[in-house]
Amino acid sequence: MKVRWAQPALRHQLHEEEIGLLDRLLIKPQRDRLDFNRRMFDEDFARVFHHTNRRTGELFELETNDQELSDRLLGNVKTRYGPHPVDETIYELVEEIAQSLVWFRDAYYFLHDDAEKGETHIVSFATDRVFKCLGLYFQYLPKRTQSHWDKEDEALPREIRFLDKTKLIHFRLPKFIRKILTAQNKILTTLDKHHGASTGFFPHATHDNPNPVNHFDFRVWNETVDRALYRATRRTGWNGRKHDSSKRSDFFDCYRLIKFRRNQITLRDQILVQLGDELSRVGRRYSPDFRISISATGALPSIGELDELDAKLTREEVGFSEIIDFCFKR
């Protein structure tokens, strides 16, 4: 096994047959096979922006003491859709970070200096093989095969790469959100384990009894599952993508929408704070006193607006359609 200081491997192909016992102990599961409710929740909660936000003008406000260095850092962030103007880059970067935090609880980026072009690039890499011990960050790479177009595939040995902390950018899921998601996901995992189990109560037709009578009450089953789902998601406000139940009041739905959107905006704002802190830290490699802070402008919804909407709903001063429009379109 190689042990060295190096830049992290950004992407590499790992085949199931190459994973050994040691690898299975160290490599965190990537959750390739997500379950029903868990997948839906993660997709919904990580969507901290609505697409209509892109057309509302400047979305972020930057305060910095070195505009040139700020532009250098943010101008070369490599998001999944490529380089963009700074405002668009922050938008896509926050989306990527939010998805990684909700799915994996962490998000890692690394600062790459291109000496030939005089550029600095911030690039994401996989979170499932990064560990921290005694203040040191390292990436574990199992045995793997590297493909080349001009020669035969190369078999690479296991490797531990210690990473330069001054170039490493680490985003963490806020503790209070991590806590409520951990509690919620325990129940969602149980519900997913039994998702579709009610079909097992259908009696099987036989030659002697081709039309068996089924005494199982599926309505009771569905009501029990819904009740467990709503209790599990009480703190996040997620509705399980259920929009057509006659047993829920409009007030209940709107109250939950506000709570869910508040949690999303809280996550968004926490990511922006961490982004400013992390860029400030890595930027001090180039300027010792560098600092930058990033916040949402009034073009994006805020916690204050949701609190005001919540108070109006309690006083019966706002209609349900207004709440729905705010939560789904802003």
Protein backbone atom coordinates (compact mmCIF):
# COMPACT_ATOMS: atom_id res chain seq x y z
CA MET A 1 0.00 0.00 0.00
CA LYS A 2 1.31 3.43 -0.95
CA VAL A 3 1.25 6.23 1.63
CA ARG A 4 2.07 9.73 0.46
CA TRP A 5 1.13 13.41 0.45
CA ALA A 6 -0.72 14.20 -2.75
CA GLN A 7 -3.73 15.84 -4.31
CA PRO A 8 -6.94 13.83 -4.03
CA ALA A 9 -8.03 11.55 -6.83
CA LEU A 10 -11.09 13.26 -8.25
CA ARG A 11 -12.77 10.42 -10.10
CA HIS A 12 -11.89 6.80 -10.59
CA GLN A 13 -13.77 3.72 -11.68
CA LEU A 14 -14.19 1.00 -9.06
CA HIS A 15 -15.61 -2.36 -10.00
CA GLU A 16 -17.41 -4.62 -7.52
CA GLU A 17 -15.02 -7.50 -8.11
CA GLU A 18 -12.06 -5.32 -7.13
CA ILE A 19 -13.41 -4.49 -3.65
CA GLY A 20 -11.67 -6.51 -0.94
CA LEU A 21 -12.51 -7.03 2.74
CA LEU A 22 -10.39 -4.07 3.86
CA ASP A 23 -12.02 -1.88 1.24
CA ARG A 24 -15.51 -2.80 2.45
CA LEU A 25 -14.56 -1.84 6.00
CA LEU A 26 -13.22 1.58 5.01
CA ILE A 27 -15.30 2.68 2.06
CA LYS A 28 -18.56 4.34 3.00
CA PRO A 29 -21.55 3.11 1.00
CA GLN A 30 -22.58 5.47 -1.80
CA ARG A 31 -26.27 4.52 -1.45
CA ASP A 32 -26.61 3.47 -5.08
CA ARG A 33 -29.86 1.69 -4.24
CA LEU A 34 -31.89 4.20 -2.33
CA ASP A 35 -35.25 3.25 -0.93
CA PHE A 36 -38.58 4.83 -1.77
CA ASN A 37 -39.17 7.50 0.88
CA ARG A 38 -35.51 8.18 1.57
CA ARG A 39 -34.82 8.91 -2.09
CA MET A 40 -37.82 11.20 -2.44
CA PHE A 41 -37.00 13.14 0.71
CA ASP A 42 -33.34 13.61 -0.19
CA GLU A 43 -34.26 14.85 -3.67
CA ASP A 44 -36.89 17.28 -2.32
CA PHE A 45 -34.90 18.64 0.62
CA ALA A 46 -31.71 19.22 -1.38
CA ARG A 47 -33.64 21.39 -3.84
CA VAL A 48 -32.93 24.61 -1.90
CA PHE A 49 -33.59 26.81 -4.96
CA HIS A 50 -36.52 26.91 -7.34
CA HIS A 51 -35.77 27.32 -11.03
CA THR A 52 -37.73 30.58 -11.07
CA ASN A 53 -34.98 32.04 -8.84
CA ARG A 54 -32.64 32.18 -11.82
CA ARG A 55 -34.76 34.91 -13.43
CA THR A 56 -35.02 37.23 -10.45
CA GLY A 57 -31.81 39.23 -10.86
CA GLU A 58 -28.77 39.14 -8.60
CA LEU A 59 -29.22 36.41 -6.01
CA PHE A 60 -26.10 36.80 -3.86
CA GLU A 61 -24.25 39.63 -2.19
CA LEU A 62 -20.48 39.39 -1.80
CA GLU A 63 -18.42 41.42 0.66
CA THR A 64 -14.65 41.09 0.37
CA ASN A 65 -11.46 43.05 0.96
CA ASP A 66 -9.83 41.68 -2.20
CA GLN A 67 -12.13 41.63 -5.20
CA GLU A 68 -9.44 40.36 -7.56
CA LEU A 69 -8.72 37.29 -5.41
CA SER A 70 -12.46 36.68 -4.93
CA ASP A 71 -12.98 36.68 -8.68
CA ARG A 72 -9.99 34.37 -9.10
CA LEU A 73 -11.40 31.82 -6.65
CA LEU A 74 -15.05 31.93 -7.67
CA GLY A 75 -14.36 32.46 -11.35
CA ASN A 76 -12.74 29.04 -11.66
CA VAL A 77 -15.04 26.84 -9.63
CA LYS A 78 -15.76 23.73 -11.66
CA THR A 79 -19.38 22.82 -11.12
CA ARG A 80 -21.05 19.98 -13.00
CA TYR A 81 -22.26 22.42 -15.67
CA GLY A 82 -18.95 24.21 -16.19
CA PRO A 83 -17.72 27.74 -15.45
CA HIS A 84 -20.24 30.60 -15.28
CA PRO A 85 -20.51 34.20 -14.10
CA VAL A 86 -19.98 34.44 -10.33
CA ASP A 87 -23.66 34.66 -9.40
CA GLU A 88 -24.51 31.59 -11.47
CA THR A 89 -21.46 29.76 -10.12
CA ILE A 90 -22.54 30.30 -6.53
CA TYR A 91 -26.06 29.14 -7.42
CA GLU A 92 -24.85 25.87 -8.89
CA LEU A 93 -22.19 25.38 -6.22
CA VAL A 94 -24.73 25.72 -3.40
CA GLU A 95 -27.02 23.25 -5.20
CA GLU A 96 -24.17 20.72 -5.46
CA ILE A 97 -23.14 21.17 -1.85
CA ALA A 98 -26.72 20.87 -0.60
CA GLN A 99 -27.21 17.60 -2.46
CA SER A 100 -23.97 16.14 -1.12
CA LEU A 101 -24.75 17.22 2.45
CA VAL A 102 -28.25 15.74 2.41
CA TRP A 103 -27.10 12.48 0.86
CA PHE A 104 -23.68 12.01 2.49
CA ARG A 105 -23.53 14.62 5.32
CA ASP A 106 -20.26 16.07 3.93
CA ALA A 107 -18.96 17.76 0.79
CA TYR A 108 -15.29 18.09 -0.20
CA TYR A 109 -13.56 20.38 -2.69
CA PHE A 110 -9.88 20.91 -3.40
CA LEU A 111 -7.90 23.92 -4.54
CA HIS A 112 -5.76 23.22 -7.62
CA ASP A 113 -3.18 25.74 -8.80
CA ASP A 114 -2.46 25.66 -12.52
CA ALA A 115 1.05 27.16 -12.70
CA GLU A 116 1.15 27.13 -16.50
CA LYS A 117 -2.06 29.13 -16.94
CA GLY A 118 -1.76 31.07 -13.70
CA GLU A 119 -5.25 29.90 -12.67
CA THR A 120 -6.78 28.44 -9.54
CA HIS A 121 -9.48 25.79 -9.76
CA ILE A 122 -11.83 24.54 -7.05
CA VAL A 123 -12.93 21.01 -7.87
CA SER A 124 -15.16 18.55 -6.00
CA PHE A 125 -14.20 14.97 -5.27
CA ALA A 126 -15.92 11.94 -3.76
CA THR A 127 -16.73 12.10 -0.05
CA ASP A 128 -16.95 8.36 0.56
CA ARG A 129 -13.21 7.74 0.91
CA VAL A 130 -12.12 10.77 2.94
CA PHE A 131 -11.24 10.39 6.63
CA LYS A 132 -9.91 12.60 9.41
CA CYS A 133 -7.55 11.42 12.13
CA LEU A 134 -5.54 13.53 14.60
CA GLY A 135 -6.34 16.65 12.61
CA LEU A 136 -5.10 15.15 9.35
CA TYR A 137 -7.28 14.46 6.32
CA PHE A 138 -6.53 11.51 4.09
CA GLN A 139 -8.15 9.79 1.14
CA TYR A 140 -8.21 6.02 0.93
CA LEU A 141 -8.03 4.55 -2.56
CA PRO A 142 -8.63 0.79 -2.98
CA LYS A 143 -7.15 -1.39 -5.67
CA ARG A 144 -8.48 -0.12 -8.96
CA THR A 145 -7.98 -0.17 -12.69
CA GLN A 146 -7.03 2.94 -14.62
CA SER A 147 -7.95 2.95 -18.30
CA HIS A 148 -5.76 4.49 -21.00
CA TRP A 149 -6.71 5.07 -24.61
CA ASP A 150 -3.16 4.58 -25.95
CA LYS A 151 -2.03 1.59 -23.85
CA GLU A 152 -3.28 -1.29 -21.78
CA ASP A 153 -5.26 -0.73 -18.60
CA GLU A 154 -3.13 -0.14 -15.53
CA ALA A 155 -3.73 -1.92 -12.20
CA LEU A 156 -3.13 0.45 -9.29
CA PRO A 157 -2.42 -0.66 -5.71
CA ARG A 158 -4.18 0.51 -2.55
CA GLU A 159 -3.16 4.00 -1.59
CA ILE A 160 -3.53 6.49 1.26
CA ARG A 161 -3.15 10.11 0.21
CA PHE A 162 -2.69 12.70 2.93
CA LEU A 163 -4.28 15.97 1.83
CA ASP A 164 -3.07 19.53 2.31
CA LYS A 165 -5.57 21.12 4.73
CA THR A 166 -4.78 24.59 3.42
CA LYS A 167 -6.20 23.54 0.03
CA LEU A 168 -9.02 21.35 1.28
CA ILE A 169 -12.53 22.80 1.46
CA HIS A 170 -14.88 20.85 3.72
CA PHE A 171 -18.61 21.51 4.10
CA ARG A 172 -20.55 19.89 6.94
CA LEU A 173 -24.26 19.37 7.44
CA PRO A 174 -25.31 21.65 10.33
CA LYS A 175 -25.64 19.69 13.59
CA PHE A 176 -29.30 20.45 14.23
CA ILE A 177 -30.27 19.39 10.69
CA ARG A 178 -28.13 16.27 10.98
CA LYS A 179 -29.93 15.43 14.23
CA ILE A 180 -33.46 15.73 12.85
CA LEU A 181 -32.55 13.88 9.65
CA THR A 182 -30.97 11.02 11.60
CA ALA A 183 -34.11 10.61 13.72
CA GLN A 184 -36.40 10.89 10.70
CA ASN A 185 -34.44 8.50 8.50
CA LYS A 186 -34.59 5.71 11.06
CA ILE A 187 -38.36 5.61 10.64
CA LEU A 188 -38.29 6.20 6.88
CA THR A 189 -35.86 3.30 6.52
CA THR A 190 -38.27 1.04 8.39
CA LEU A 191 -41.18 2.21 6.23
CA ASP A 192 -39.14 1.64 3.09
CA LYS A 193 -38.22 -1.84 4.25
CA HIS A 194 -41.91 -2.72 4.24
CA HIS A 195 -42.90 -0.61 1.25
CA GLY A 196 -45.27 -2.62 -0.89
CA ALA A 197 -45.52 -5.35 1.74
CA SER A 198 -49.31 -5.07 1.71
CA THR A 199 -49.39 -6.92 -1.61
CA GLY A 200 -48.22 -9.99 0.27
CA PHE A 201 -51.61 -10.17 1.96
CA PHE A 202 -53.41 -11.00 -1.28
CA PRO A 203 -54.60 -14.62 -1.02
CA HIS A 204 -53.39 -16.85 -3.82
CA ALA A 205 -55.91 -18.34 -6.17
CA THR A 206 -55.99 -22.10 -6.38
CA HIS A 207 -57.71 -24.60 -8.59
CA ASP A 208 -60.26 -25.31 -5.86
CA ASN A 209 -60.70 -21.64 -4.95
CA PRO A 210 -60.04 -19.45 -7.99
CA ASN A 211 -61.59 -16.33 -6.37
CA PRO A 212 -60.44 -16.29 -2.72
CA VAL A 213 -61.92 -13.71 -0.38
CA ASN A 214 -59.46 -11.19 1.04
CA HIS A 215 -60.29 -9.99 4.53
CA PHE A 216 -57.21 -7.76 4.82
CA ASP A 217 -58.19 -4.08 5.19
CA PHE A 218 -55.79 -2.09 3.01
CA ARG A 219 -57.31 1.20 4.15
CA VAL A 220 -56.16 0.56 7.70
CA TRP A 221 -52.70 -0.38 6.41
CA ASN A 222 -52.40 2.83 4.36
CA GLU A 223 -53.67 5.00 7.20
CA THR A 224 -51.14 3.46 9.58
CA VAL A 225 -48.28 4.01 7.14
CA ASP A 226 -49.35 7.63 6.51
CA ARG A 227 -49.59 8.32 10.22
CA ALA A 228 -46.09 6.93 10.79
CA LEU A 229 -44.76 8.99 7.87
CA TYR A 230 -46.24 12.26 9.16
CA ARG A 231 -44.99 11.63 12.68
CA ALA A 232 -41.49 10.87 11.37
CA THR A 233 -41.39 14.05 9.28
CA ARG A 234 -42.93 16.35 11.87
CA ARG A 235 -39.71 18.33 12.43
CA THR A 236 -38.74 18.63 8.75
CA GLY A 237 -42.26 19.36 7.48
CA TRP A 238 -41.95 17.03 4.48
CA ASN A 239 -45.31 15.86 3.15
CA GLY A 240 -44.10 12.72 1.35
CA ARG A 241 -45.33 14.16 -1.98
CA LYS A 242 -48.89 13.49 -0.87
CA HIS A 243 -51.20 16.21 -2.18
CA ASP A 244 -54.58 14.54 -2.46
CA SER A 245 -55.58 13.31 0.99
CA SER A 246 -59.03 14.35 2.14
CA LYS A 247 -58.02 13.68 5.74
CA ARG A 248 -55.58 16.60 5.89
CA SER A 249 -56.74 20.16 6.28
CA ASP A 250 -55.45 23.01 4.11
CA PHE A 251 -54.08 24.59 7.28
CA PHE A 252 -52.10 21.42 8.04
CA ASP A 253 -50.60 21.34 4.54
CA CYS A 254 -49.68 25.03 4.55
CA TYR A 255 -48.19 24.87 8.03
CA ARG A 256 -46.00 21.98 6.91
CA LEU A 257 -45.00 23.74 3.70
CA ILE A 258 -43.75 26.72 5.68
CA LYS A 259 -41.80 24.47 8.06
CA PHE A 260 -40.21 22.50 5.20
CA ARG A 261 -39.25 25.63 3.29
CA ARG A 262 -37.82 27.19 6.46
CA ASN A 263 -35.55 24.17 6.95
CA GLN A 264 -34.41 24.37 3.32
CA ILE A 265 -33.62 28.08 3.54
CA THR A 266 -31.78 27.51 6.81
CA LEU A 267 -29.63 24.90 5.07
CA ARG A 268 -29.05 27.28 2.14
CA ASP A 269 -27.94 30.12 4.43
CA GLN A 270 -25.67 27.81 6.44
CA ILE A 271 -23.99 26.68 3.22
CA LEU A 272 -23.42 30.30 2.20
CA VAL A 273 -21.83 31.04 5.58
CA GLN A 274 -19.57 28.00 5.31
CA LEU A 275 -18.71 28.91 1.72
CA GLY A 276 -17.55 32.36 2.77
CA ASP A 277 -15.57 30.96 5.72
CA GLU A 278 -13.90 28.25 3.68
CA LEU A 279 -13.00 30.57 0.79
CA SER A 280 -11.59 33.04 3.28
CA ARG A 281 -9.44 30.33 4.84
CA VAL A 282 -8.01 28.89 1.60
CA GLY A 283 -7.66 32.39 0.14
CA ARG A 284 -5.18 33.30 2.87
CA ARG A 285 -2.64 31.19 0.99
CA TYR A 286 -2.45 34.11 -1.41
CA SER A 287 -3.34 37.06 0.84
CA PRO A 288 -2.91 36.73 4.63
CA ASP A 289 -5.77 39.09 5.49
CA PHE A 290 -8.21 37.86 2.86
CA ARG A 291 -11.86 37.56 3.79
CA ILE A 292 -15.11 37.13 1.92
CA SER A 293 -18.71 36.70 3.03
CA ILE A 294 -21.61 35.59 0.86
CA SER A 295 -25.29 36.09 1.62
CA ALA A 296 -28.60 35.88 -0.20
CA THR A 297 -30.16 39.06 -1.55
CA GLY A 298 -33.80 40.06 -1.28
CA ALA A 299 -34.44 38.30 -4.59
CA LEU A 300 -34.41 35.01 -2.67
CA PRO A 301 -36.88 34.05 0.07
CA SER A 302 -35.74 34.57 3.64
CA ILE A 303 -36.47 33.15 7.07
CA GLY A 304 -37.98 36.49 8.04
CA GLU A 305 -40.51 36.31 5.24
CA LEU A 306 -41.51 32.79 6.24
CA ASP A 307 -41.87 33.82 9.89
CA GLU A 308 -44.14 36.66 8.82
CA LEU A 309 -46.15 34.29 6.62
CA ASP A 310 -46.44 31.85 9.52
CA ALA A 311 -47.73 34.59 11.83
CA LYS A 312 -50.29 35.71 9.23
CA LEU A 313 -51.49 32.14 8.81
CA THR A 314 -51.98 31.85 12.56
CA ARG A 315 -53.98 35.10 12.55
CA GLU A 316 -55.96 33.94 9.48
CA GLU A 317 -54.72 36.95 7.51
CA VAL A 318 -53.34 35.07 4.51
CA GLY A 319 -54.89 32.67 2.02
CA PHE A 320 -53.66 29.17 1.35
CA SER A 321 -52.93 29.94 -2.32
CA GLU A 322 -50.54 32.71 -1.31
CA ILE A 323 -48.61 30.34 0.94
CA ILE A 324 -48.44 27.68 -1.74
CA ASP A 325 -47.22 30.18 -4.34
CA PHE A 326 -44.54 31.48 -1.96
CA CYS A 327 -43.25 28.03 -1.01
CA PHE A 328 -43.25 26.58 -4.53
CA LYS A 329 -42.30 29.60 -6.65
CA ARG A 330 -39.88 31.62 -4.55
